[in-house]
Amino acid sequence: MSRMTVWSATWVVALSLAAFAGGEGPRTFHGEIADSQCSMNVHSLTRSHQEMLKSKSMGGTSLSCTLYCIRYLGGDLVLSSKKEVYRLDDQDSAKRFIGQKVKISGTLEPKTNTIHVVKIETD
């Protein structure tokens, strides 16, 4: 092999590894499965169900509020974690845990703040 071929191959491998290393590896996220409407302040000032639960206009529990927001207001399920809100790529798995504190294992897509869900369990 010529030096140029070896150098080119080495460069390609190095760039590939650098690109791969740029993404985050699997990690664990903690929070509550909620709806994007309340969690992203669409109709809530506290990033929670607090205002809606007080008014009882969307039910009296986090579960009923989330279900209402998804069904009638176009919300999606998210992981609400203190000051962070993460979108979830697996809405079906999250449905079992609406209104519950959970632990999600997965990888984060930083550009969209979406968790690629591997596993969800109660926390």
N, C-alpha and C. Protein backbone atom coordinates (compact mmCIF):
# COMPACT_ATOMS: atom_id res chain seq x y z
N MET A 1 0.84 -1.18 0.00
CA MET A 1 0.00 0.00 0.00
C MET A 1 0.88 1.24 0.00
N SER A 2 0.44 2.21 -0.69
CA SER A 2 1.19 3.46 -0.71
C SER A 2 0.91 4.26 0.56
N ARG A 3 1.79 5.18 0.83
CA ARG A 3 1.60 6.03 2.00
C ARG A 3 0.32 6.85 1.90
N MET A 4 0.02 7.28 0.70
CA MET A 4 -1.18 8.10 0.49
C MET A 4 -2.44 7.30 0.82
N THR A 5 -2.49 6.03 0.44
CA THR A 5 -3.64 5.19 0.72
C THR A 5 -3.80 4.97 2.22
N VAL A 6 -2.69 4.68 2.89
CA VAL A 6 -2.72 4.46 4.34
C VAL A 6 -3.15 5.75 5.05
N TRP A 7 -2.58 6.86 4.63
CA TRP A 7 -2.94 8.14 5.24
C TRP A 7 -4.41 8.44 5.03
N SER A 8 -4.91 8.23 3.82
CA SER A 8 -6.33 8.49 3.52
C SER A 8 -7.24 7.60 4.35
N ALA A 9 -6.91 6.33 4.45
CA ALA A 9 -7.72 5.39 5.24
C ALA A 9 -7.72 5.79 6.71
N THR A 10 -6.57 6.18 7.22
CA THR A 10 -6.46 6.61 8.62
C THR A 10 -7.31 7.85 8.86
N TRP A 11 -7.27 8.79 7.94
CA TRP A 11 -8.04 10.01 8.06
C TRP A 11 -9.55 9.73 8.07
N VAL A 12 -10.00 8.83 7.19
CA VAL A 12 -11.41 8.47 7.12
C VAL A 12 -11.86 7.83 8.43
N VAL A 13 -11.06 6.92 8.97
CA VAL A 13 -11.39 6.26 10.24
C VAL A 13 -11.44 7.29 11.37
N ALA A 14 -10.48 8.19 11.40
CA ALA A 14 -10.43 9.20 12.46
C ALA A 14 -11.66 10.11 12.40
N LEU A 15 -12.05 10.54 11.21
CA LEU A 15 -13.24 11.38 11.07
C LEU A 15 -14.50 10.64 11.47
N SER A 16 -14.58 9.37 11.11
CA SER A 16 -15.75 8.56 11.47
C SER A 16 -15.87 8.43 12.98
N LEU A 17 -14.74 8.16 13.65
CA LEU A 17 -14.76 8.03 15.11
C LEU A 17 -15.12 9.35 15.78
N ALA A 18 -14.62 10.44 15.25
CA ALA A 18 -14.94 11.75 15.82
C ALA A 18 -16.43 12.06 15.67
N ALA A 19 -16.99 11.73 14.53
CA ALA A 19 -18.42 11.98 14.31
C ALA A 19 -19.25 11.12 15.25
N PHE A 20 -18.89 9.87 15.42
CA PHE A 20 -19.62 8.95 16.30
C PHE A 20 -19.50 9.39 17.75
N ALA A 21 -18.33 9.82 18.15
CA ALA A 21 -18.10 10.21 19.54
C ALA A 21 -18.85 11.49 19.89
N GLY A 22 -19.26 12.29 18.91
CA GLY A 22 -19.95 13.54 19.16
C GLY A 22 -21.32 13.34 19.76
N GLY A 23 -21.99 12.22 19.49
CA GLY A 23 -23.30 11.94 20.04
C GLY A 23 -23.19 11.43 21.46
N GLU A 24 -24.24 11.64 22.24
CA GLU A 24 -24.24 11.16 23.61
C GLU A 24 -24.52 9.67 23.65
N GLY A 25 -23.94 9.02 24.63
CA GLY A 25 -24.23 7.61 24.83
C GLY A 25 -25.49 7.44 25.67
N PRO A 26 -25.89 6.22 25.92
CA PRO A 26 -27.08 5.96 26.73
C PRO A 26 -26.93 6.56 28.13
N ARG A 27 -28.03 7.06 28.65
CA ARG A 27 -28.04 7.59 30.01
C ARG A 27 -29.43 7.43 30.61
N THR A 28 -29.59 7.83 31.85
CA THR A 28 -30.86 7.70 32.55
C THR A 28 -31.43 9.08 32.83
N PHE A 29 -32.73 9.23 32.57
CA PHE A 29 -33.45 10.48 32.78
C PHE A 29 -34.55 10.22 33.81
N HIS A 30 -34.78 11.17 34.70
CA HIS A 30 -35.82 11.05 35.72
C HIS A 30 -36.81 12.19 35.56
N GLY A 31 -38.08 11.90 35.81
CA GLY A 31 -39.11 12.94 35.75
C GLY A 31 -40.49 12.33 35.70
N GLU A 32 -41.45 13.13 35.24
CA GLU A 32 -42.84 12.69 35.16
C GLU A 32 -43.28 12.65 33.70
N ILE A 33 -44.04 11.62 33.35
CA ILE A 33 -44.62 11.57 32.01
C ILE A 33 -45.82 12.52 32.02
N ALA A 34 -45.71 13.55 31.21
CA ALA A 34 -46.75 14.59 31.17
C ALA A 34 -47.03 14.93 29.70
N ASP A 35 -47.81 15.98 29.49
CA ASP A 35 -48.12 16.40 28.13
C ASP A 35 -47.31 17.64 27.76
N SER A 36 -47.10 17.81 26.48
CA SER A 36 -46.31 18.94 26.00
C SER A 36 -47.01 20.28 26.25
N GLN A 37 -48.33 20.29 26.29
CA GLN A 37 -49.07 21.54 26.49
C GLN A 37 -48.75 22.16 27.85
N CYS A 38 -48.88 21.38 28.91
CA CYS A 38 -48.62 21.90 30.25
C CYS A 38 -47.12 22.08 30.49
N SER A 39 -46.34 21.10 30.08
CA SER A 39 -44.90 21.11 30.37
C SER A 39 -44.13 22.18 29.63
N MET A 40 -44.65 22.60 28.47
CA MET A 40 -43.95 23.61 27.68
C MET A 40 -44.63 24.97 27.75
N ASN A 41 -45.41 25.18 28.82
CA ASN A 41 -46.05 26.47 29.10
C ASN A 41 -47.01 26.94 28.02
N VAL A 42 -47.66 26.03 27.32
CA VAL A 42 -48.65 26.45 26.35
C VAL A 42 -49.84 27.07 27.07
N HIS A 43 -50.29 26.45 28.17
CA HIS A 43 -51.37 27.03 28.97
C HIS A 43 -51.09 26.90 30.46
N SER A 44 -49.81 26.91 30.79
CA SER A 44 -49.41 26.78 32.19
C SER A 44 -48.22 27.70 32.45
N LEU A 45 -48.24 28.38 33.55
CA LEU A 45 -47.12 29.26 33.90
C LEU A 45 -46.04 28.55 34.71
N THR A 46 -46.38 27.38 35.24
CA THR A 46 -45.45 26.68 36.13
C THR A 46 -44.86 25.41 35.52
N ARG A 47 -45.07 25.19 34.22
CA ARG A 47 -44.57 23.99 33.54
C ARG A 47 -45.10 22.73 34.22
N SER A 48 -46.34 22.80 34.68
CA SER A 48 -46.95 21.67 35.37
C SER A 48 -48.46 21.71 35.13
N HIS A 49 -49.16 20.83 35.78
CA HIS A 49 -50.62 20.77 35.69
C HIS A 49 -51.29 21.66 36.74
N GLN A 50 -50.50 22.36 37.53
CA GLN A 50 -50.99 23.09 38.70
C GLN A 50 -52.20 23.97 38.40
N GLU A 51 -52.12 24.84 37.41
CA GLU A 51 -53.23 25.75 37.12
C GLU A 51 -54.46 25.00 36.63
N MET A 52 -54.24 24.00 35.80
CA MET A 52 -55.36 23.25 35.25
C MET A 52 -56.06 22.43 36.33
N LEU A 53 -55.30 21.88 37.26
CA LEU A 53 -55.89 21.10 38.34
C LEU A 53 -56.71 21.99 39.28
N LYS A 54 -56.23 23.22 39.52
CA LYS A 54 -56.98 24.14 40.37
C LYS A 54 -58.32 24.51 39.73
N SER A 55 -58.32 24.72 38.43
CA SER A 55 -59.54 25.13 37.74
C SER A 55 -60.49 23.96 37.50
N LYS A 56 -59.97 22.75 37.58
CA LYS A 56 -60.72 21.52 37.33
C LYS A 56 -61.34 21.48 35.93
N SER A 57 -60.85 22.34 35.04
CA SER A 57 -61.39 22.39 33.69
C SER A 57 -60.91 21.22 32.84
N MET A 58 -59.84 20.59 33.27
CA MET A 58 -59.29 19.47 32.50
C MET A 58 -59.11 18.24 33.37
N GLY A 59 -59.89 18.14 34.41
CA GLY A 59 -59.81 17.00 35.29
C GLY A 59 -59.14 17.36 36.60
N GLY A 60 -59.17 16.43 37.52
CA GLY A 60 -58.63 16.69 38.85
C GLY A 60 -57.33 16.01 39.15
N THR A 61 -56.76 15.30 38.17
CA THR A 61 -55.49 14.61 38.39
C THR A 61 -54.55 14.88 37.22
N SER A 62 -53.27 14.62 37.44
CA SER A 62 -52.28 14.76 36.37
C SER A 62 -52.63 13.85 35.20
N LEU A 63 -53.11 12.66 35.50
CA LEU A 63 -53.49 11.71 34.46
C LEU A 63 -54.61 12.28 33.59
N SER A 64 -55.69 12.76 34.21
CA SER A 64 -56.82 13.27 33.43
C SER A 64 -56.45 14.52 32.65
N CYS A 65 -55.63 15.38 33.22
CA CYS A 65 -55.20 16.59 32.53
C CYS A 65 -54.36 16.23 31.30
N THR A 66 -53.43 15.30 31.47
CA THR A 66 -52.57 14.87 30.36
C THR A 66 -53.40 14.26 29.25
N LEU A 67 -54.33 13.37 29.61
CA LEU A 67 -55.17 12.74 28.60
C LEU A 67 -56.01 13.76 27.85
N TYR A 68 -56.54 14.74 28.57
CA TYR A 68 -57.33 15.80 27.94
C TYR A 68 -56.47 16.60 26.94
N CYS A 69 -55.28 16.99 27.39
CA CYS A 69 -54.41 17.80 26.54
C CYS A 69 -53.97 17.05 25.29
N ILE A 70 -53.76 15.77 25.41
CA ILE A 70 -53.36 14.97 24.25
C ILE A 70 -54.54 14.80 23.30
N ARG A 71 -55.69 14.47 23.85
CA ARG A 71 -56.85 14.17 23.01
C ARG A 71 -57.44 15.42 22.34
N TYR A 72 -57.57 16.50 23.10
CA TYR A 72 -58.29 17.66 22.59
C TYR A 72 -57.41 18.85 22.19
N LEU A 73 -56.18 18.90 22.68
CA LEU A 73 -55.35 20.06 22.41
C LEU A 73 -54.10 19.75 21.59
N GLY A 74 -53.98 18.50 21.12
CA GLY A 74 -52.87 18.15 20.25
C GLY A 74 -51.53 17.97 20.94
N GLY A 75 -51.54 17.73 22.23
CA GLY A 75 -50.29 17.54 22.95
C GLY A 75 -49.66 16.18 22.69
N ASP A 76 -48.39 16.08 22.99
CA ASP A 76 -47.63 14.82 22.93
C ASP A 76 -47.14 14.50 24.32
N LEU A 77 -46.83 13.24 24.55
CA LEU A 77 -46.24 12.85 25.82
C LEU A 77 -44.78 13.28 25.86
N VAL A 78 -44.37 13.80 27.01
CA VAL A 78 -43.00 14.26 27.21
C VAL A 78 -42.54 13.80 28.60
N LEU A 79 -41.25 13.92 28.83
CA LEU A 79 -40.71 13.71 30.16
C LEU A 79 -40.43 15.09 30.74
N SER A 80 -41.15 15.44 31.79
CA SER A 80 -40.98 16.72 32.45
C SER A 80 -40.07 16.50 33.65
N SER A 81 -38.91 17.14 33.63
CA SER A 81 -37.90 16.90 34.64
C SER A 81 -37.36 18.23 35.16
N LYS A 82 -37.86 18.69 36.28
CA LYS A 82 -37.48 19.97 36.87
C LYS A 82 -37.64 21.08 35.83
N LYS A 83 -36.54 21.64 35.35
CA LYS A 83 -36.64 22.73 34.38
C LYS A 83 -36.47 22.25 32.94
N GLU A 84 -36.28 20.98 32.72
CA GLU A 84 -36.11 20.43 31.38
C GLU A 84 -37.36 19.67 30.94
N VAL A 85 -37.64 19.73 29.66
CA VAL A 85 -38.73 18.96 29.06
C VAL A 85 -38.13 18.24 27.86
N TYR A 86 -38.28 16.91 27.87
CA TYR A 86 -37.72 16.10 26.80
C TYR A 86 -38.85 15.47 25.99
N ARG A 87 -38.77 15.57 24.69
CA ARG A 87 -39.71 14.86 23.82
C ARG A 87 -39.36 13.38 23.85
N LEU A 88 -40.33 12.53 23.59
CA LEU A 88 -40.11 11.08 23.61
C LEU A 88 -40.42 10.51 22.24
N ASP A 89 -39.51 9.69 21.72
CA ASP A 89 -39.74 9.12 20.39
C ASP A 89 -40.67 7.92 20.43
N ASP A 90 -40.92 7.37 21.61
CA ASP A 90 -41.80 6.20 21.74
C ASP A 90 -43.01 6.57 22.59
N GLN A 91 -44.01 7.13 21.94
CA GLN A 91 -45.22 7.57 22.63
C GLN A 91 -46.01 6.40 23.19
N ASP A 92 -46.02 5.28 22.49
CA ASP A 92 -46.80 4.12 22.93
C ASP A 92 -46.30 3.57 24.26
N SER A 93 -44.99 3.45 24.43
CA SER A 93 -44.44 2.94 25.70
C SER A 93 -44.73 3.90 26.84
N ALA A 94 -44.72 5.19 26.56
CA ALA A 94 -44.93 6.19 27.61
C ALA A 94 -46.37 6.24 28.09
N LYS A 95 -47.33 5.81 27.27
CA LYS A 95 -48.75 5.88 27.65
C LYS A 95 -49.05 5.15 28.95
N ARG A 96 -48.37 4.05 29.20
CA ARG A 96 -48.60 3.27 30.42
C ARG A 96 -48.22 4.02 31.69
N PHE A 97 -47.43 5.10 31.54
CA PHE A 97 -46.87 5.78 32.71
C PHE A 97 -47.34 7.23 32.86
N ILE A 98 -48.42 7.61 32.18
CA ILE A 98 -48.90 8.99 32.24
C ILE A 98 -49.16 9.40 33.69
N GLY A 99 -48.62 10.56 34.05
CA GLY A 99 -48.81 11.11 35.40
C GLY A 99 -47.94 10.48 36.46
N GLN A 100 -47.05 9.59 36.08
CA GLN A 100 -46.19 8.90 37.06
C GLN A 100 -44.76 9.39 36.98
N LYS A 101 -44.06 9.29 38.10
CA LYS A 101 -42.62 9.54 38.14
C LYS A 101 -41.94 8.31 37.54
N VAL A 102 -41.04 8.55 36.59
CA VAL A 102 -40.40 7.45 35.88
C VAL A 102 -38.90 7.65 35.76
N LYS A 103 -38.26 6.57 35.36
CA LYS A 103 -36.85 6.56 35.02
C LYS A 103 -36.79 6.04 33.59
N ILE A 104 -36.20 6.83 32.69
CA ILE A 104 -36.10 6.43 31.29
C ILE A 104 -34.64 6.22 30.93
N SER A 105 -34.35 5.07 30.34
CA SER A 105 -33.03 4.80 29.79
C SER A 105 -33.11 5.07 28.30
N GLY A 106 -32.14 5.82 27.79
CA GLY A 106 -32.13 6.11 26.37
C GLY A 106 -31.03 7.07 26.00
N THR A 107 -31.05 7.50 24.77
CA THR A 107 -30.06 8.46 24.28
C THR A 107 -30.77 9.75 23.90
N LEU A 108 -30.08 10.85 24.08
CA LEU A 108 -30.66 12.16 23.81
C LEU A 108 -30.19 12.69 22.46
N GLU A 109 -31.13 13.12 21.66
CA GLU A 109 -30.83 13.83 20.42
C GLU A 109 -30.85 15.32 20.78
N PRO A 110 -29.67 15.93 20.94
CA PRO A 110 -29.62 17.31 21.46
C PRO A 110 -30.30 18.35 20.58
N LYS A 111 -30.29 18.18 19.27
CA LYS A 111 -30.88 19.19 18.39
C LYS A 111 -32.39 19.33 18.60
N THR A 112 -33.06 18.20 18.86
CA THR A 112 -34.51 18.23 19.03
C THR A 112 -34.93 18.01 20.48
N ASN A 113 -33.96 17.76 21.37
CA ASN A 113 -34.21 17.46 22.78
C ASN A 113 -35.16 16.26 22.92
N THR A 114 -34.93 15.27 22.05
CA THR A 114 -35.75 14.06 22.04
C THR A 114 -34.97 12.89 22.61
N ILE A 115 -35.62 12.16 23.52
CA ILE A 115 -35.02 10.94 24.06
C ILE A 115 -35.43 9.78 23.17
N HIS A 116 -34.46 9.03 22.70
CA HIS A 116 -34.72 7.78 21.98
C HIS A 116 -34.83 6.71 23.07
N VAL A 117 -36.05 6.36 23.39
CA VAL A 117 -36.37 5.52 24.54
C VAL A 117 -35.92 4.08 24.33
N VAL A 118 -35.18 3.56 25.32
CA VAL A 118 -34.82 2.15 25.35
C VAL A 118 -35.72 1.44 26.35
N LYS A 119 -35.92 2.08 27.53
CA LYS A 119 -36.69 1.44 28.60
C LYS A 119 -37.30 2.52 29.49
N ILE A 120 -38.55 2.27 29.90
CA ILE A 120 -39.23 3.15 30.86
C ILE A 120 -39.69 2.30 32.03
N GLU A 121 -39.44 2.80 33.25
CA GLU A 121 -39.93 2.11 34.45
C GLU A 121 -40.25 3.15 35.52
N THR A 122 -41.11 2.78 36.46
CA THR A 122 -41.46 3.72 37.53
C THR A 122 -40.23 3.99 38.38
N ASP A 123 -40.19 5.20 38.89
CA ASP A 123 -39.02 5.64 39.67
C ASP A 123 -39.30 5.55 41.15
